[in-house]
Amino acid sequence: MKTVRILIAAGFAVCQLSVAQAAPARHHAKARAPSAPAAAQSSEARYHACLVEAFRRFGWHYGERVVLYSDFAVTQADFCMRNGGHY
């Protein structure tokens, strides 16, 4: 009985290690160019950057386009603007 428990624990540990090692391979890090500080941007450029970030975070793909409900996009962009260009 003790041998069975040891084998089950070892199998569980191997499964956990294989999942832990495979997890980083599923996520691809995207290199992002450093942006200028929020204070250096004009308000139109900052609003556009906030809108782009809202589409990136909350939008979904519809064919080749990324879509988002317009009122939600405006709400999120306004929220971003109130926080100085950051979410």
N, C-alpha and C. Protein backbone atom coordinates (compact mmCIF):
# COMPACT_ATOMS: atom_id res chain seq x y z
N MET A 1 0.82 -1.19 0.00
CA MET A 1 0.00 0.00 0.00
C MET A 1 0.87 1.27 0.00
N LYS A 2 1.97 1.21 0.76
CA LYS A 2 2.85 2.36 0.82
C LYS A 2 3.52 2.58 -0.53
N THR A 3 3.83 1.52 -1.25
CA THR A 3 4.46 1.63 -2.57
C THR A 3 3.51 2.30 -3.56
N VAL A 4 2.23 1.97 -3.48
CA VAL A 4 1.24 2.57 -4.37
C VAL A 4 1.14 4.07 -4.11
N ARG A 5 1.15 4.47 -2.86
CA ARG A 5 1.09 5.89 -2.52
C ARG A 5 2.31 6.63 -3.05
N ILE A 6 3.47 6.00 -2.93
CA ILE A 6 4.71 6.63 -3.41
C ILE A 6 4.66 6.77 -4.93
N LEU A 7 4.18 5.75 -5.63
CA LEU A 7 4.08 5.82 -7.08
C LEU A 7 3.08 6.89 -7.52
N ILE A 8 1.97 6.98 -6.83
CA ILE A 8 0.98 8.01 -7.17
C ILE A 8 1.56 9.40 -6.92
N ALA A 9 2.24 9.59 -5.81
CA ALA A 9 2.85 10.89 -5.50
C ALA A 9 3.92 11.24 -6.53
N ALA A 10 4.72 10.26 -6.94
CA ALA A 10 5.75 10.50 -7.94
C ALA A 10 5.12 10.86 -9.28
N GLY A 11 4.07 10.16 -9.66
CA GLY A 11 3.38 10.47 -10.91
C GLY A 11 2.77 11.86 -10.88
N PHE A 12 2.19 12.23 -9.75
CA PHE A 12 1.63 13.56 -9.61
C PHE A 12 2.71 14.63 -9.72
N ALA A 13 3.86 14.38 -9.10
CA ALA A 13 4.96 15.34 -9.15
C ALA A 13 5.48 15.50 -10.58
N VAL A 14 5.58 14.40 -11.31
CA VAL A 14 6.05 14.46 -12.70
C VAL A 14 5.07 15.24 -13.56
N CYS A 15 3.78 15.02 -13.36
CA CYS A 15 2.77 15.76 -14.12
C CYS A 15 2.84 17.26 -13.81
N GLN A 16 3.02 17.61 -12.54
CA GLN A 16 3.12 19.01 -12.17
C GLN A 16 4.35 19.67 -12.79
N LEU A 17 5.46 18.95 -12.81
CA LEU A 17 6.68 19.51 -13.40
C LEU A 17 6.53 19.69 -14.90
N SER A 18 5.91 18.73 -15.57
CA SER A 18 5.77 18.85 -17.02
C SER A 18 4.83 20.00 -17.39
N VAL A 19 3.78 20.21 -16.61
CA VAL A 19 2.87 21.33 -16.87
C VAL A 19 3.57 22.65 -16.57
N ALA A 20 4.34 22.70 -15.49
CA ALA A 20 5.04 23.93 -15.13
C ALA A 20 6.08 24.30 -16.17
N GLN A 21 6.73 23.32 -16.77
CA GLN A 21 7.73 23.60 -17.79
C GLN A 21 7.09 23.96 -19.12
N ALA A 22 5.91 23.44 -19.41
CA ALA A 22 5.26 23.72 -20.69
C ALA A 22 4.51 25.05 -20.66
N ALA A 23 4.15 25.54 -19.49
CA ALA A 23 3.34 26.76 -19.40
C ALA A 23 4.03 27.98 -20.01
N PRO A 24 5.30 28.26 -19.76
CA PRO A 24 5.88 29.45 -20.38
C PRO A 24 5.96 29.37 -21.90
N ALA A 25 5.98 28.18 -22.46
CA ALA A 25 6.07 28.04 -23.91
C ALA A 25 4.78 28.48 -24.59
N ARG A 26 3.66 28.45 -23.88
CA ARG A 26 2.39 28.84 -24.47
C ARG A 26 2.24 30.34 -24.60
N HIS A 27 2.95 31.08 -23.78
CA HIS A 27 2.83 32.53 -23.79
C HIS A 27 4.00 33.12 -24.56
N HIS A 28 3.69 33.98 -25.50
CA HIS A 28 4.72 34.63 -26.29
C HIS A 28 4.83 36.07 -25.82
N ALA A 29 6.00 36.43 -25.38
CA ALA A 29 6.23 37.81 -24.96
C ALA A 29 6.37 38.69 -26.19
N LYS A 30 5.66 39.78 -26.19
CA LYS A 30 5.75 40.72 -27.29
C LYS A 30 6.64 41.88 -26.88
N ALA A 31 7.61 42.15 -27.69
CA ALA A 31 8.49 43.27 -27.41
C ALA A 31 7.75 44.56 -27.75
N ARG A 32 7.71 45.45 -26.81
CA ARG A 32 7.03 46.72 -27.03
C ARG A 32 8.06 47.83 -26.94
N ALA A 33 7.97 48.72 -27.88
CA ALA A 33 8.88 49.85 -27.88
C ALA A 33 8.55 50.76 -26.70
N PRO A 34 9.57 51.28 -26.05
CA PRO A 34 9.27 52.18 -24.93
C PRO A 34 8.59 53.43 -25.44
N SER A 35 7.51 53.79 -24.79
CA SER A 35 6.75 54.96 -25.23
C SER A 35 7.21 56.19 -24.46
N ALA A 36 6.90 57.32 -25.00
CA ALA A 36 7.24 58.58 -24.34
C ALA A 36 6.39 58.72 -23.08
N PRO A 37 6.87 59.44 -22.11
CA PRO A 37 6.05 59.65 -20.91
C PRO A 37 4.71 60.28 -21.26
N ALA A 38 3.72 59.99 -20.46
CA ALA A 38 2.36 60.46 -20.74
C ALA A 38 2.29 61.99 -20.78
N ALA A 39 3.10 62.66 -19.99
CA ALA A 39 3.05 64.12 -19.94
C ALA A 39 3.60 64.73 -21.23
N ALA A 40 4.48 64.03 -21.93
CA ALA A 40 5.09 64.58 -23.13
C ALA A 40 4.16 64.46 -24.34
N GLN A 41 3.13 63.62 -24.26
CA GLN A 41 2.21 63.42 -25.38
C GLN A 41 1.12 64.49 -25.36
N SER A 42 0.60 64.79 -26.54
CA SER A 42 -0.56 65.67 -26.59
C SER A 42 -1.78 64.89 -26.11
N SER A 43 -2.83 65.60 -25.77
CA SER A 43 -4.02 64.92 -25.26
C SER A 43 -4.66 64.03 -26.33
N GLU A 44 -4.59 64.46 -27.60
CA GLU A 44 -5.15 63.63 -28.68
C GLU A 44 -4.36 62.34 -28.84
N ALA A 45 -3.02 62.46 -28.77
CA ALA A 45 -2.18 61.27 -28.90
C ALA A 45 -2.37 60.33 -27.72
N ARG A 46 -2.52 60.89 -26.52
CA ARG A 46 -2.73 60.06 -25.34
C ARG A 46 -4.08 59.36 -25.41
N TYR A 47 -5.13 60.09 -25.88
CA TYR A 47 -6.46 59.48 -26.02
C TYR A 47 -6.41 58.35 -27.04
N HIS A 48 -5.71 58.57 -28.14
CA HIS A 48 -5.58 57.52 -29.16
C HIS A 48 -4.84 56.31 -28.59
N ALA A 49 -3.79 56.55 -27.82
CA ALA A 49 -3.04 55.44 -27.21
C ALA A 49 -3.93 54.69 -26.22
N CYS A 50 -4.76 55.41 -25.48
CA CYS A 50 -5.68 54.76 -24.54
C CYS A 50 -6.72 53.93 -25.28
N LEU A 51 -7.21 54.47 -26.40
CA LEU A 51 -8.19 53.74 -27.19
C LEU A 51 -7.59 52.47 -27.79
N VAL A 52 -6.37 52.57 -28.27
CA VAL A 52 -5.67 51.40 -28.82
C VAL A 52 -5.47 50.35 -27.72
N GLU A 53 -5.10 50.79 -26.53
CA GLU A 53 -4.91 49.87 -25.41
C GLU A 53 -6.23 49.21 -25.01
N ALA A 54 -7.33 49.94 -25.06
CA ALA A 54 -8.64 49.37 -24.75
C ALA A 54 -8.99 48.28 -25.75
N PHE A 55 -8.74 48.53 -27.04
CA PHE A 55 -9.01 47.50 -28.05
C PHE A 55 -8.09 46.30 -27.86
N ARG A 56 -6.84 46.55 -27.47
CA ARG A 56 -5.90 45.45 -27.27
C ARG A 56 -6.32 44.59 -26.08
N ARG A 57 -6.77 45.24 -25.02
CA ARG A 57 -7.13 44.49 -23.81
C ARG A 57 -8.49 43.80 -23.90
N PHE A 58 -9.49 44.53 -24.41
CA PHE A 58 -10.85 44.05 -24.30
C PHE A 58 -11.50 43.66 -25.62
N GLY A 59 -10.87 43.96 -26.73
CA GLY A 59 -11.47 43.68 -28.03
C GLY A 59 -11.43 42.20 -28.37
N TRP A 60 -12.25 41.79 -29.31
CA TRP A 60 -12.23 40.42 -29.79
C TRP A 60 -12.16 40.44 -31.30
N HIS A 61 -11.69 39.33 -31.85
CA HIS A 61 -11.48 39.26 -33.29
C HIS A 61 -12.78 38.89 -33.99
N TYR A 62 -13.12 39.64 -35.01
CA TYR A 62 -14.28 39.39 -35.85
C TYR A 62 -13.76 39.38 -37.28
N GLY A 63 -13.43 38.20 -37.75
CA GLY A 63 -12.74 38.09 -39.03
C GLY A 63 -11.33 38.60 -38.87
N GLU A 64 -10.96 39.59 -39.67
CA GLU A 64 -9.62 40.17 -39.56
C GLU A 64 -9.60 41.44 -38.72
N ARG A 65 -10.76 41.85 -38.20
CA ARG A 65 -10.84 43.08 -37.44
C ARG A 65 -10.93 42.78 -35.94
N VAL A 66 -10.49 43.72 -35.15
CA VAL A 66 -10.67 43.66 -33.71
C VAL A 66 -11.80 44.63 -33.38
N VAL A 67 -12.83 44.12 -32.73
CA VAL A 67 -14.02 44.93 -32.48
C VAL A 67 -14.25 45.08 -30.98
N LEU A 68 -14.99 46.13 -30.63
CA LEU A 68 -15.33 46.43 -29.26
C LEU A 68 -16.56 47.33 -29.30
N TYR A 69 -17.46 47.17 -28.35
CA TYR A 69 -18.62 48.04 -28.30
C TYR A 69 -18.15 49.48 -28.12
N SER A 70 -18.73 50.41 -28.89
CA SER A 70 -18.23 51.78 -28.92
C SER A 70 -18.36 52.48 -27.57
N ASP A 71 -19.48 52.29 -26.87
CA ASP A 71 -19.64 52.96 -25.58
C ASP A 71 -18.65 52.42 -24.56
N PHE A 72 -18.36 51.13 -24.62
CA PHE A 72 -17.38 50.54 -23.71
C PHE A 72 -15.98 51.05 -24.03
N ALA A 73 -15.66 51.18 -25.32
CA ALA A 73 -14.35 51.67 -25.73
C ALA A 73 -14.15 53.10 -25.25
N VAL A 74 -15.17 53.94 -25.38
CA VAL A 74 -15.07 55.33 -24.94
C VAL A 74 -14.94 55.38 -23.43
N THR A 75 -15.70 54.57 -22.71
CA THR A 75 -15.63 54.53 -21.24
C THR A 75 -14.23 54.14 -20.79
N GLN A 76 -13.66 53.12 -21.42
CA GLN A 76 -12.32 52.68 -21.04
C GLN A 76 -11.26 53.71 -21.39
N ALA A 77 -11.40 54.37 -22.54
CA ALA A 77 -10.44 55.40 -22.92
C ALA A 77 -10.53 56.59 -21.97
N ASP A 78 -11.74 56.96 -21.55
CA ASP A 78 -11.90 58.05 -20.58
C ASP A 78 -11.29 57.68 -19.23
N PHE A 79 -11.47 56.44 -18.83
CA PHE A 79 -10.87 55.96 -17.58
C PHE A 79 -9.35 56.06 -17.66
N CYS A 80 -8.80 55.65 -18.79
CA CYS A 80 -7.35 55.71 -19.00
C CYS A 80 -6.86 57.16 -18.98
N MET A 81 -7.60 58.06 -19.60
CA MET A 81 -7.21 59.47 -19.61
C MET A 81 -7.24 60.07 -18.19
N ARG A 82 -8.23 59.69 -17.40
CA ARG A 82 -8.30 60.19 -16.02
C ARG A 82 -7.13 59.71 -15.19
N ASN A 83 -6.56 58.55 -15.56
CA ASN A 83 -5.42 58.01 -14.83
C ASN A 83 -4.09 58.39 -15.47
N GLY A 84 -4.07 59.43 -16.25
CA GLY A 84 -2.84 59.92 -16.83
C GLY A 84 -2.30 59.08 -17.97
N GLY A 85 -3.16 58.34 -18.65
CA GLY A 85 -2.73 57.53 -19.77
C GLY A 85 -2.35 56.12 -19.40
N HIS A 86 -2.73 55.69 -18.20
CA HIS A 86 -2.41 54.34 -17.73
C HIS A 86 -3.67 53.64 -17.26
N TYR A 87 -3.70 52.34 -17.46
CA TYR A 87 -4.81 51.55 -16.94
C TYR A 87 -4.52 51.13 -15.54
